[in-house]
Amino acid sequence: MVVQSLANPLAIREPLIVRLLKVFGVAAINGLVLNAIVFGINMAMGLSWNLSMVVCIALYTVVMLSSVLGTLTPMVLEKLGINPAMASGPFITIANDLLGLTVYFTVAHLLLL
């Protein structure tokens, strides 16, 4: 949506802050729904409470950070004069993978000491 709105600013008439709030709202809802599903599966499988909490906290954090990264990256690339439609996909994919692993292991380290 961000790349499309950059390509055709007249297609979306809402102010930037309204669009960003909607993106973050959707990410928060996605994170909560995914957490409920994952937590339920973990508990049904008899996994430990600590492990379930690590996974859920890391998952929610990664969903929110990925939303921020996926929203801001095309905007930054456009400001730098780089075609966001071409560069956003690979950059966001690599950054999300690295970010996800870092968040997961950091949360695990902090909660399972």
PDB file of N, CA and C in Angstrom:
ATOM      1  N   MET A   1       0.818  -1.188   0.000  1.00  0.00           N
ATOM      2  CA  MET A   1       0.000   0.000   0.000  1.00  0.00           C
ATOM      3  C   MET A   1       0.861   1.251   0.000  1.00  0.00           C
ATOM      4  N   VAL A   2       1.971   1.204   0.720  1.00  0.00           N
ATOM      5  CA  VAL A   2       2.823   2.394   0.792  1.00  0.00           C
ATOM      6  C   VAL A   2       3.448   2.676  -0.563  1.00  0.00           C
ATOM      7  N   VAL A   3       3.963   1.637  -1.208  1.00  0.00           N
ATOM      8  CA  VAL A   3       4.569   1.835  -2.527  1.00  0.00           C
ATOM      9  C   VAL A   3       3.532   2.343  -3.517  1.00  0.00           C
ATOM     10  N   GLN A   4       2.321   1.794  -3.457  1.00  0.00           N
ATOM     11  CA  GLN A   4       1.261   2.243  -4.359  1.00  0.00           C
ATOM     12  C   GLN A   4       0.900   3.698  -4.086  1.00  0.00           C
ATOM     13  N   SER A   5       0.839   4.090  -2.822  1.00  0.00           N
ATOM     14  CA  SER A   5       0.499   5.477  -2.515  1.00  0.00           C
ATOM     15  C   SER A   5       1.614   6.425  -2.913  1.00  0.00           C
ATOM     16  N   LEU A   6       2.864   5.945  -2.922  1.00  0.00           N
ATOM     17  CA  LEU A   6       3.970   6.785  -3.387  1.00  0.00           C
ATOM     18  C   LEU A   6       3.911   6.956  -4.901  1.00  0.00           C
ATOM     19  N   ALA A   7       3.494   5.897  -5.599  1.00  0.00           N
ATOM     20  CA  ALA A   7       3.412   5.957  -7.056  1.00  0.00           C
ATOM     21  C   ALA A   7       2.253   6.829  -7.524  1.00  0.00           C
ATOM     22  N   ASN A   8       1.141   6.795  -6.791  1.00  0.00           N
ATOM     23  CA  ASN A   8      -0.031   7.569  -7.168  1.00  0.00           C
ATOM     24  C   ASN A   8      -0.607   8.240  -5.920  1.00  0.00           C
ATOM     25  N   PRO A   9      -0.064   9.392  -5.543  1.00  0.00           N
ATOM     26  CA  PRO A   9      -0.497  10.036  -4.303  1.00  0.00           C
ATOM     27  C   PRO A   9      -1.971  10.443  -4.300  1.00  0.00           C
ATOM     28  N   LEU A  10      -2.578  10.576  -5.456  1.00  0.00           N
ATOM     29  CA  LEU A  10      -3.981  10.969  -5.515  1.00  0.00           C
ATOM     30  C   LEU A  10      -4.925   9.814  -5.226  1.00  0.00           C
ATOM     31  N   ALA A  11      -4.417   8.564  -5.275  1.00  0.00           N
ATOM     32  CA  ALA A  11      -5.260   7.393  -5.055  1.00  0.00           C
ATOM     33  C   ALA A  11      -5.730   7.304  -3.604  1.00  0.00           C
ATOM     34  N   ILE A  12      -4.894   7.746  -2.688  1.00  0.00           N
ATOM     35  CA  ILE A  12      -5.239   7.706  -1.269  1.00  0.00           C
ATOM     36  C   ILE A  12      -5.208   9.134  -0.758  1.00  0.00           C
ATOM     37  N   ARG A  13      -6.340   9.606  -0.317  1.00  0.00           N
ATOM     38  CA  ARG A  13      -6.473  11.003   0.067  1.00  0.00           C
ATOM     39  C   ARG A  13      -6.272  11.252   1.559  1.00  0.00           C
ATOM     40  N   GLU A  14      -6.062  10.222   2.341  1.00  0.00           N
ATOM     41  CA  GLU A  14      -5.898  10.386   3.777  1.00  0.00           C
ATOM     42  C   GLU A  14      -4.511  10.951   4.088  1.00  0.00           C
ATOM     43  N   PRO A  15      -4.407  11.721   5.156  1.00  0.00           N
ATOM     44  CA  PRO A  15      -3.081  12.201   5.567  1.00  0.00           C
ATOM     45  C   PRO A  15      -2.178  11.029   5.967  1.00  0.00           C
ATOM     46  N   LEU A  16      -0.885  11.256   5.897  1.00  0.00           N
ATOM     47  CA  LEU A  16       0.096  10.211   6.183  1.00  0.00           C
ATOM     48  C   LEU A  16      -0.087   9.641   7.582  1.00  0.00           C
ATOM     49  N   ILE A  17      -0.307  10.473   8.553  1.00  0.00           N
ATOM     50  CA  ILE A  17      -0.434   9.987   9.930  1.00  0.00           C
ATOM     51  C   ILE A  17      -1.632   9.064  10.090  1.00  0.00           C
ATOM     52  N   VAL A  18      -2.714   9.342   9.396  1.00  0.00           N
ATOM     53  CA  VAL A  18      -3.906   8.484   9.458  1.00  0.00           C
ATOM     54  C   VAL A  18      -3.593   7.123   8.843  1.00  0.00           C
ATOM     55  N   ARG A  19      -2.897   7.130   7.720  1.00  0.00           N
ATOM     56  CA  ARG A  19      -2.515   5.858   7.083  1.00  0.00           C
ATOM     57  C   ARG A  19      -1.586   5.057   7.985  1.00  0.00           C
ATOM     58  N   LEU A  20      -0.614   5.728   8.617  1.00  0.00           N
ATOM     59  CA  LEU A  20       0.317   5.030   9.505  1.00  0.00           C
ATOM     60  C   LEU A  20      -0.399   4.441  10.710  1.00  0.00           C
ATOM     61  N   LEU A  21      -1.330   5.180  11.278  1.00  0.00           N
ATOM     62  CA  LEU A  21      -2.088   4.661  12.417  1.00  0.00           C
ATOM     63  C   LEU A  21      -2.909   3.438  12.024  1.00  0.00           C
ATOM     64  N   LYS A  22      -3.468   3.443  10.825  1.00  0.00           N
ATOM     65  CA  LYS A  22      -4.225   2.277  10.357  1.00  0.00           C
ATOM     66  C   LYS A  22      -3.310   1.065  10.189  1.00  0.00           C
ATOM     67  N   VAL A  23      -2.131   1.286   9.623  1.00  0.00           N
ATOM     68  CA  VAL A  23      -1.173   0.189   9.429  1.00  0.00           C
ATOM     69  C   VAL A  23      -0.777  -0.399  10.772  1.00  0.00           C
ATOM     70  N   PHE A  24      -0.489   0.450  11.755  1.00  0.00           N
ATOM     71  CA  PHE A  24      -0.081  -0.041  13.062  1.00  0.00           C
ATOM     72  C   PHE A  24      -1.242  -0.711  13.793  1.00  0.00           C
ATOM     73  N   GLY A  25      -2.450  -0.220  13.590  1.00  0.00           N
ATOM     74  CA  GLY A  25      -3.623  -0.857  14.179  1.00  0.00           C
ATOM     75  C   GLY A  25      -3.835  -2.261  13.643  1.00  0.00           C
ATOM     76  N   VAL A  26      -3.703  -2.406  12.334  1.00  0.00           N
ATOM     77  CA  VAL A  26      -3.838  -3.729  11.710  1.00  0.00           C
ATOM     78  C   VAL A  26      -2.727  -4.658  12.198  1.00  0.00           C
ATOM     79  N   ALA A  27      -1.511  -4.133  12.319  1.00  0.00           N
ATOM     80  CA  ALA A  27      -0.397  -4.950  12.815  1.00  0.00           C
ATOM     81  C   ALA A  27      -0.647  -5.397  14.251  1.00  0.00           C
ATOM     82  N   ALA A  28      -1.188  -4.517  15.074  1.00  0.00           N
ATOM     83  CA  ALA A  28      -1.479  -4.880  16.466  1.00  0.00           C
ATOM     84  C   ALA A  28      -2.535  -5.973  16.534  1.00  0.00           C
ATOM     85  N   ILE A  29      -3.564  -5.859  15.725  1.00  0.00           N
ATOM     86  CA  ILE A  29      -4.608  -6.885  15.702  1.00  0.00           C
ATOM     87  C   ILE A  29      -4.039  -8.210  15.195  1.00  0.00           C
ATOM     88  N   ASN A  30      -3.253  -8.159  14.119  1.00  0.00           N
ATOM     89  CA  ASN A  30      -2.612  -9.380  13.600  1.00  0.00           C
ATOM     90  C   ASN A  30      -1.741 -10.032  14.664  1.00  0.00           C
ATOM     91  N   GLY A  31      -0.951  -9.222  15.356  1.00  0.00           N
ATOM     92  CA  GLY A  31      -0.074  -9.746  16.398  1.00  0.00           C
ATOM     93  C   GLY A  31      -0.847 -10.411  17.513  1.00  0.00           C
ATOM     94  N   LEU A  32      -1.939  -9.790  17.948  1.00  0.00           N
ATOM     95  CA  LEU A  32      -2.744 -10.366  19.024  1.00  0.00           C
ATOM     96  C   LEU A  32      -3.428 -11.666  18.597  1.00  0.00           C
ATOM     97  N   VAL A  33      -3.964 -11.692  17.386  1.00  0.00           N
ATOM     98  CA  VAL A  33      -4.624 -12.915  16.890  1.00  0.00           C
ATOM     99  C   VAL A  33      -3.605 -14.044  16.739  1.00  0.00           C
ATOM    100  N   LEU A  34      -2.457 -13.739  16.147  1.00  0.00           N
ATOM    101  CA  LEU A  34      -1.415 -14.760  15.994  1.00  0.00           C
ATOM    102  C   LEU A  34      -0.927 -15.257  17.345  1.00  0.00           C
ATOM    103  N   ASN A  35      -0.781 -14.339  18.297  1.00  0.00           N
ATOM    104  CA  ASN A  35      -0.351 -14.745  19.638  1.00  0.00           C
ATOM    105  C   ASN A  35      -1.360 -15.677  20.291  1.00  0.00           C
ATOM    106  N   ALA A  36      -2.624 -15.376  20.159  1.00  0.00           N
ATOM    107  CA  ALA A  36      -3.649 -16.236  20.752  1.00  0.00           C
ATOM    108  C   ALA A  36      -3.593 -17.634  20.150  1.00  0.00           C
ATOM    109  N   ILE A  37      -3.430 -17.700  18.837  1.00  0.00           N
ATOM    110  CA  ILE A  37      -3.350 -19.003  18.167  1.00  0.00           C
ATOM    111  C   ILE A  37      -2.109 -19.768  18.602  1.00  0.00           C
ATOM    112  N   VAL A  38      -0.961 -19.107  18.568  1.00  0.00           N
ATOM    113  CA  VAL A  38       0.297 -19.771  18.928  1.00  0.00           C
ATOM    114  C   VAL A  38       0.293 -20.186  20.393  1.00  0.00           C
ATOM    115  N   PHE A  39      -0.193 -19.319  21.264  1.00  0.00           N
ATOM    116  CA  PHE A  39      -0.238 -19.650  22.687  1.00  0.00           C
ATOM    117  C   PHE A  39      -1.154 -20.846  22.929  1.00  0.00           C
ATOM    118  N   GLY A  40      -2.303 -20.842  22.269  1.00  0.00           N
ATOM    119  CA  GLY A  40      -3.221 -21.963  22.417  1.00  0.00           C
ATOM    120  C   GLY A  40      -2.610 -23.276  21.947  1.00  0.00           C
ATOM    121  N   ILE A  41      -1.933 -23.244  20.826  1.00  0.00           N
ATOM    122  CA  ILE A  41      -1.276 -24.457  20.313  1.00  0.00           C
ATOM    123  C   ILE A  41      -0.176 -24.913  21.261  1.00  0.00           C
ATOM    124  N   ASN A  42       0.619 -23.960  21.752  1.00  0.00           N
ATOM    125  CA  ASN A  42       1.689 -24.323  22.690  1.00  0.00           C
ATOM    126  C   ASN A  42       1.131 -24.967  23.954  1.00  0.00           C
ATOM    127  N   MET A  43       0.059 -24.406  24.478  1.00  0.00           N
ATOM    128  CA  MET A  43      -0.533 -24.966  25.695  1.00  0.00           C
ATOM    129  C   MET A  43      -1.164 -26.341  25.414  1.00  0.00           C
ATOM    130  N   ALA A  44      -1.789 -26.492  24.255  1.00  0.00           N
ATOM    131  CA  ALA A  44      -2.387 -27.784  23.890  1.00  0.00           C
ATOM    132  C   ALA A  44      -1.328 -28.868  23.729  1.00  0.00           C
ATOM    133  N   MET A  45      -0.150 -28.465  23.281  1.00  0.00           N
ATOM    134  CA  MET A  45       0.947 -29.415  23.108  1.00  0.00           C
ATOM    135  C   MET A  45       1.677 -29.700  24.417  1.00  0.00           C
ATOM    136  N   GLY A  46       1.313 -28.978  25.461  1.00  0.00           N
ATOM    137  CA  GLY A  46       1.937 -29.210  26.764  1.00  0.00           C
ATOM    138  C   GLY A  46       3.304 -28.579  26.908  1.00  0.00           C
ATOM    139  N   LEU A  47       3.595 -27.571  26.100  1.00  0.00           N
ATOM    140  CA  LEU A  47       4.888 -26.906  26.212  1.00  0.00           C
ATOM    141  C   LEU A  47       4.912 -26.003  27.441  1.00  0.00           C
ATOM    142  N   SER A  48       6.098 -25.667  27.884  1.00  0.00           N
ATOM    143  CA  SER A  48       6.226 -24.881  29.111  1.00  0.00           C
ATOM    144  C   SER A  48       5.673 -23.468  28.933  1.00  0.00           C
ATOM    145  N   TRP A  49       5.220 -22.915  30.022  1.00  0.00           N
ATOM    146  CA  TRP A  49       4.681 -21.560  30.056  1.00  0.00           C
ATOM    147  C   TRP A  49       5.757 -20.562  29.619  1.00  0.00           C
ATOM    148  N   ASN A  50       6.986 -20.743  30.097  1.00  0.00           N
ATOM    149  CA  ASN A  50       8.075 -19.812  29.762  1.00  0.00           C
ATOM    150  C   ASN A  50       8.352 -19.797  28.263  1.00  0.00           C
ATOM    151  N   LEU A  51       8.425 -20.958  27.667  1.00  0.00           N
ATOM    152  CA  LEU A  51       8.681 -21.031  26.230  1.00  0.00           C
ATOM    153  C   LEU A  51       7.538 -20.390  25.447  1.00  0.00           C
ATOM    154  N   SER A  52       6.316 -20.640  25.871  1.00  0.00           N
ATOM    155  CA  SER A  52       5.157 -20.043  25.203  1.00  0.00           C
ATOM    156  C   SER A  52       5.199 -18.521  25.288  1.00  0.00           C
ATOM    157  N   MET A  53       5.578 -17.996  26.425  1.00  0.00           N
ATOM    158  CA  MET A  53       5.665 -16.544  26.594  1.00  0.00           C
ATOM    159  C   MET A  53       6.777 -15.957  25.727  1.00  0.00           C
ATOM    160  N   VAL A  54       7.909 -16.632  25.640  1.00  0.00           N
ATOM    161  CA  VAL A  54       9.005 -16.164  24.789  1.00  0.00           C
ATOM    162  C   VAL A  54       8.545 -16.077  23.342  1.00  0.00           C
ATOM    163  N   VAL A  55       7.908 -17.128  22.874  1.00  0.00           N
ATOM    164  CA  VAL A  55       7.450 -17.157  21.490  1.00  0.00           C
ATOM    165  C   VAL A  55       6.413 -16.064  21.240  1.00  0.00           C
ATOM    166  N   CYS A  56       5.466 -15.904  22.147  1.00  0.00           N
ATOM    167  CA  CYS A  56       4.404 -14.912  21.953  1.00  0.00           C
ATOM    168  C   CYS A  56       4.930 -13.482  22.005  1.00  0.00           C
ATOM    169  N   ILE A  57       5.784 -13.180  22.952  1.00  0.00           N
ATOM    170  CA  ILE A  57       6.356 -11.826  23.041  1.00  0.00           C
ATOM    171  C   ILE A  57       7.204 -11.528  21.818  1.00  0.00           C
ATOM    172  N   ALA A  58       8.030 -12.486  21.424  1.00  0.00           N
ATOM    173  CA  ALA A  58       8.874 -12.281  20.245  1.00  0.00           C
ATOM    174  C   ALA A  58       8.018 -12.129  18.989  1.00  0.00           C
ATOM    175  N   LEU A  59       6.990 -12.942  18.850  1.00  0.00           N
ATOM    176  CA  LEU A  59       6.121 -12.879  17.677  1.00  0.00           C
ATOM    177  C   LEU A  59       5.432 -11.521  17.582  1.00  0.00           C
ATOM    178  N   TYR A  60       4.859 -11.056  18.679  1.00  0.00           N
ATOM    179  CA  TYR A  60       4.173  -9.764  18.667  1.00  0.00           C
ATOM    180  C   TYR A  60       5.151  -8.637  18.332  1.00  0.00           C
ATOM    181  N   THR A  61       6.328  -8.675  18.930  1.00  0.00           N
ATOM    182  CA  THR A  61       7.335  -7.640  18.674  1.00  0.00           C
ATOM    183  C   THR A  61       7.764  -7.644  17.212  1.00  0.00           C
ATOM    184  N   VAL A  62       7.977  -8.811  16.657  1.00  0.00           N
ATOM    185  CA  VAL A  62       8.402  -8.901  15.254  1.00  0.00           C
ATOM    186  C   VAL A  62       7.296  -8.430  14.315  1.00  0.00           C
ATOM    187  N   VAL A  63       6.050  -8.761  14.617  1.00  0.00           N
ATOM    188  CA  VAL A  63       4.943  -8.302  13.768  1.00  0.00           C
ATOM    189  C   VAL A  63       4.887  -6.776  13.766  1.00  0.00           C
ATOM    190  N   MET A  64       5.021  -6.170  14.931  1.00  0.00           N
ATOM    191  CA  MET A  64       4.958  -4.711  15.017  1.00  0.00           C
ATOM    192  C   MET A  64       6.170  -4.058  14.328  1.00  0.00           C
ATOM    193  N   LEU A  65       7.374  -4.576  14.589  1.00  0.00           N
ATOM    194  CA  LEU A  65       8.573  -4.001  13.968  1.00  0.00           C
ATOM    195  C   LEU A  65       8.571  -4.199  12.458  1.00  0.00           C
ATOM    196  N   SER A  66       8.077  -5.336  12.006  1.00  0.00           N
ATOM    197  CA  SER A  66       8.003  -5.580  10.562  1.00  0.00           C
ATOM    198  C   SER A  66       7.032  -4.611   9.902  1.00  0.00           C
ATOM    199  N   SER A  67       5.971  -4.303  10.587  1.00  0.00           N
ATOM    200  CA  SER A  67       5.008  -3.330  10.063  1.00  0.00           C
ATOM    201  C   SER A  67       5.657  -1.958   9.934  1.00  0.00           C
ATOM    202  N   VAL A  68       6.385  -1.550  10.951  1.00  0.00           N
ATOM    203  CA  VAL A  68       7.082  -0.261  10.908  1.00  0.00           C
ATOM    204  C   VAL A  68       8.095  -0.258   9.767  1.00  0.00           C
ATOM    205  N   LEU A  69       8.885  -1.318   9.683  1.00  0.00           N
ATOM    206  CA  LEU A  69       9.908  -1.407   8.647  1.00  0.00           C
ATOM    207  C   LEU A  69       9.296  -1.432   7.251  1.00  0.00           C
ATOM    208  N   GLY A  70       8.230  -2.193   7.090  1.00  0.00           N
ATOM    209  CA  GLY A  70       7.578  -2.292   5.785  1.00  0.00           C
ATOM    210  C   GLY A  70       6.894  -1.000   5.369  1.00  0.00           C
ATOM    211  N   THR A  71       6.534  -0.187   6.341  1.00  0.00           N
ATOM    212  CA  THR A  71       5.884   1.087   6.039  1.00  0.00           C
ATOM    213  C   THR A  71       6.907   2.183   5.749  1.00  0.00           C
ATOM    214  N   LEU A  72       7.949   2.229   6.558  1.00  0.00           N
ATOM    215  CA  LEU A  72       8.908   3.327   6.435  1.00  0.00           C
ATOM    216  C   LEU A  72       9.963   3.124   5.344  1.00  0.00           C
ATOM    217  N   THR A  73      10.305   1.874   5.052  1.00  0.00           N
ATOM    218  CA  THR A  73      11.359   1.611   4.066  1.00  0.00           C
ATOM    219  C   THR A  73      11.060   2.212   2.692  1.00  0.00           C
ATOM    220  N   PRO A  74       9.875   1.998   2.113  1.00  0.00           N
ATOM    221  CA  PRO A  74       9.620   2.611   0.804  1.00  0.00           C
ATOM    222  C   PRO A  74       9.685   4.137   0.840  1.00  0.00           C
ATOM    223  N   MET A  75       9.251   4.722   1.943  1.00  0.00           N
ATOM    224  CA  MET A  75       9.299   6.181   2.052  1.00  0.00           C
ATOM    225  C   MET A  75      10.739   6.686   2.083  1.00  0.00           C
ATOM    226  N   VAL A  76      11.587   6.013   2.834  1.00  0.00           N
ATOM    227  CA  VAL A  76      12.994   6.400   2.920  1.00  0.00           C
ATOM    228  C   VAL A  76      13.684   6.192   1.577  1.00  0.00           C
ATOM    229  N   LEU A  77      13.402   5.058   0.925  1.00  0.00           N
ATOM    230  CA  LEU A  77      14.022   4.796  -0.379  1.00  0.00           C
ATOM    231  C   LEU A  77      13.622   5.852  -1.404  1.00  0.00           C
ATOM    232  N   GLU A  78      12.359   6.267  -1.364  1.00  0.00           N
ATOM    233  CA  GLU A  78      11.927   7.302  -2.300  1.00  0.00           C
ATOM    234  C   GLU A  78      12.657   8.617  -2.033  1.00  0.00           C
ATOM    235  N   LYS A  79      12.836   8.967  -0.764  1.00  0.00           N
ATOM    236  CA  LYS A  79      13.556  10.197  -0.411  1.00  0.00           C
ATOM    237  C   LYS A  79      15.015  10.142  -0.865  1.00  0.00           C
ATOM    238  N   LEU A  80      15.596   8.931  -0.899  1.00  0.00           N
ATOM    239  CA  LEU A  80      16.971   8.760  -1.340  1.00  0.00           C
ATOM    240  C   LEU A  80      17.093   8.677  -2.864  1.00  0.00           C
ATOM    241  N   GLY A  81      15.973   8.726  -3.556  1.00  0.00           N
ATOM    242  CA  GLY A  81      15.984   8.681  -5.012  1.00  0.00           C
ATOM    243  C   GLY A  81      16.077   7.274  -5.580  1.00  0.00           C
ATOM    244  N   ILE A  82      15.777   6.271  -4.757  1.00  0.00           N
ATOM    245  CA  ILE A  82      15.803   4.873  -5.189  1.00  0.00           C
ATOM    246  C   ILE A  82      14.367   4.434  -5.439  1.00  0.00           C
ATOM    247  N   ASN A  83      14.143   3.692  -6.508  1.00  0.00           N
ATOM    248  CA  ASN A  83      12.803   3.222  -6.844  1.00  0.00           C
ATOM    249  C   ASN A  83      12.312   2.273  -5.749  1.00  0.00           C
ATOM    250  N   PRO A  84      11.325   2.694  -4.952  1.00  0.00           N
ATOM    251  CA  PRO A  84      10.877   1.837  -3.849  1.00  0.00           C
ATOM    252  C   PRO A  84      10.202   0.553  -4.309  1.00  0.00           C
ATOM    253  N   ALA A  85       9.616   0.551  -5.496  1.00  0.00           N
ATOM    254  CA  ALA A  85       8.951  -0.659  -5.988  1.00  0.00           C
ATOM    255  C   ALA A  85       9.969  -1.769  -6.254  1.00  0.00           C
ATOM    256  N   MET A  86      11.171  -1.407  -6.651  1.00  0.00           N
ATOM    257  CA  MET A  86      12.195  -2.399  -6.970  1.00  0.00           C
ATOM    258  C   MET A  86      13.001  -2.824  -5.738  1.00  0.00           C
ATOM    259  N   ALA A  87      13.301  -1.880  -4.861  1.00  0.00           N
ATOM    260  CA  ALA A  87      14.236  -2.154  -3.773  1.00  0.00           C
ATOM    261  C   ALA A  87      13.568  -2.563  -2.471  1.00  0.00           C
ATOM    262  N   SER A  88      12.315  -2.243  -2.287  1.00  0.00           N
ATOM    263  CA  SER A  88      11.664  -2.500  -0.996  1.00  0.00           C
ATOM    264  C   SER A  88      11.570  -3.985  -0.669  1.00  0.00           C
ATOM    265  N   GLY A  89      11.139  -4.799  -1.622  1.00  0.00           N
ATOM    266  CA  GLY A  89      10.935  -6.223  -1.361  1.00  0.00           C
ATOM    267  C   GLY A  89      12.157  -6.932  -0.817  1.00  0.00           C
ATOM    268  N   PRO A  90      13.268  -6.921  -1.540  1.00  0.00           N
ATOM    269  CA  PRO A  90      14.460  -7.614  -1.033  1.00  0.00           C
ATOM    270  C   PRO A  90      14.980  -7.028   0.274  1.00  0.00           C
ATOM    271  N   PHE A  91      14.984  -5.717   0.377  1.00  0.00           N
ATOM    272  CA  PHE A  91      15.501  -5.092   1.596  1.00  0.00           C
ATOM    273  C   PHE A  91      14.638  -5.441   2.805  1.00  0.00           C
ATOM    274  N   ILE A  92      13.340  -5.341   2.661  1.00  0.00           N
ATOM    275  CA  ILE A  92      12.440  -5.627   3.779  1.00  0.00           C
ATOM    276  C   ILE A  92      12.508  -7.103   4.169  1.00  0.00           C
ATOM    277  N   THR A  93      12.602  -7.996   3.201  1.00  0.00           N
ATOM    278  CA  THR A  93      12.683  -9.428   3.494  1.00  0.00           C
ATOM    279  C   THR A  93      13.924  -9.755   4.311  1.00  0.00           C
ATOM    280  N   ILE A  94      15.069  -9.266   3.876  1.00  0.00           N
ATOM    281  CA  ILE A  94      16.317  -9.534   4.591  1.00  0.00           C
ATOM    282  C   ILE A  94      16.292  -8.896   5.971  1.00  0.00           C
ATOM    283  N   ALA A  95      15.850  -7.651   6.036  1.00  0.00           N
ATOM    284  CA  ALA A  95      15.809  -6.950   7.325  1.00  0.00           C
ATOM    285  C   ALA A  95      14.850  -7.644   8.296  1.00  0.00           C
ATOM    286  N   ASN A  96      13.698  -8.088   7.820  1.00  0.00           N
ATOM    287  CA  ASN A  96      12.741  -8.773   8.697  1.00  0.00           C
ATOM    288  C   ASN A  96      13.288 -10.102   9.201  1.00  0.00           C
ATOM    289  N   ASP A  97      14.000 -10.832   8.355  1.00  0.00           N
ATOM    290  CA  ASP A  97      14.597 -12.092   8.789  1.00  0.00           C
ATOM    291  C   ASP A  97      15.621 -11.855   9.898  1.00  0.00           C
ATOM    292  N   LEU A  98      16.501 -10.903   9.672  1.00  0.00           N
ATOM    293  CA  LEU A  98      17.517 -10.600  10.680  1.00  0.00           C
ATOM    294  C   LEU A  98      16.890 -10.037  11.954  1.00  0.00           C
ATOM    295  N   LEU A  99      15.927  -9.175  11.786  1.00  0.00           N
ATOM    296  CA  LEU A  99      15.241  -8.579  12.929  1.00  0.00           C
ATOM    297  C   LEU A  99      14.489  -9.643  13.722  1.00  0.00           C
ATOM    298  N   GLY A 100      13.815 -10.541  13.036  1.00  0.00           N
ATOM    299  CA  GLY A 100      13.065 -11.598  13.705  1.00  0.00           C
ATOM    300  C   GLY A 100      13.949 -12.492  14.548  1.00  0.00           C
ATOM    301  N   LEU A 101      15.065 -12.927  13.985  1.00  0.00           N
ATOM    302  CA  LEU A 101      15.989 -13.773  14.752  1.00  0.00           C
ATOM    303  C   LEU A 101      16.574 -13.032  15.943  1.00  0.00           C
ATOM    304  N   THR A 102      16.944 -11.781  15.726  1.00  0.00           N
ATOM    305  CA  THR A 102      17.522 -10.988  16.811  1.00  0.00           C
ATOM    306  C   THR A 102      16.520 -10.794  17.943  1.00  0.00           C
ATOM    307  N   VAL A 103      15.298 -10.456  17.602  1.00  0.00           N
ATOM    308  CA  VAL A 103      14.265 -10.256  18.629  1.00  0.00           C
ATOM    309  C   VAL A 103      13.990 -11.564  19.360  1.00  0.00           C
ATOM    310  N   TYR A 104      13.846 -12.650  18.629  1.00  0.00           N
ATOM    311  CA  TYR A 104      13.541 -13.928  19.270  1.00  0.00           C
ATOM    312  C   TYR A 104      14.628 -14.322  20.268  1.00  0.00           C
ATOM    313  N   PHE A 105      15.881 -14.267  19.834  1.00  0.00           N
ATOM    314  CA  PHE A 105      16.958 -14.684  20.727  1.00  0.00           C
ATOM    315  C   PHE A 105      17.162 -13.710  21.874  1.00  0.00           C
ATOM    316  N   THR A 106      16.906 -12.424  21.649  1.00  0.00           N
ATOM    317  CA  THR A 106      17.014 -11.451  22.738  1.00  0.00           C
ATOM    318  C   THR A 106      15.921 -11.690  23.782  1.00  0.00           C
ATOM    319  N   VAL A 107      14.697 -11.891  23.341  1.00  0.00           N
ATOM    320  CA  VAL A 107      13.606 -12.173  24.275  1.00  0.00           C
ATOM    321  C   VAL A 107      13.874 -13.474  25.021  1.00  0.00           C
ATOM    322  N   ALA A 108      14.311 -14.498  24.313  1.00  0.00           N
ATOM    323  CA  ALA A 108      14.626 -15.771  24.957  1.00  0.00           C
ATOM    324  C   ALA A 108      15.735 -15.602  26.000  1.00  0.00           C
ATOM    325  N   HIS A 109      16.747 -14.845  25.655  1.00  0.00           N
ATOM    326  CA  HIS A 109      17.851 -14.612  26.580  1.00  0.00           C
ATOM    327  C   HIS A 109      17.380 -13.871  27.829  1.00  0.00           C
ATOM    328  N   LEU A 110      16.559 -12.863  27.643  1.00  0.00           N
ATOM    329  CA  LEU A 110      16.095 -12.060  28.775  1.00  0.00           C
ATOM    330  C   LEU A 110      15.107 -12.809  29.670  1.00  0.00           C
ATOM    331  N   LEU A 111      14.237 -13.622  29.085  1.00  0.00           N
ATOM    332  CA  LEU A 111      13.214 -14.291  29.877  1.00  0.00           C
ATOM    333  C   LEU A 111      13.622 -15.659  30.411  1.00  0.00           C
ATOM    334  N   LEU A 112      14.599 -16.286  29.794  1.00  0.00           N
ATOM    335  CA  LEU A 112      14.963 -17.637  30.202  1.00  0.00           C
ATOM    336  C   LEU A 112      16.296 -17.710  30.946  1.00  0.00           C
ATOM    337  N   LEU A 113      16.765 -16.601  31.471  1.00  0.00           N
ATOM    338  CA  LEU A 113      18.018 -16.618  32.238  1.00  0.00           C
ATOM    339  C   LEU A 113      17.887 -17.379  33.526  1.00  0.00           C
TER     340      LEU A 113
END
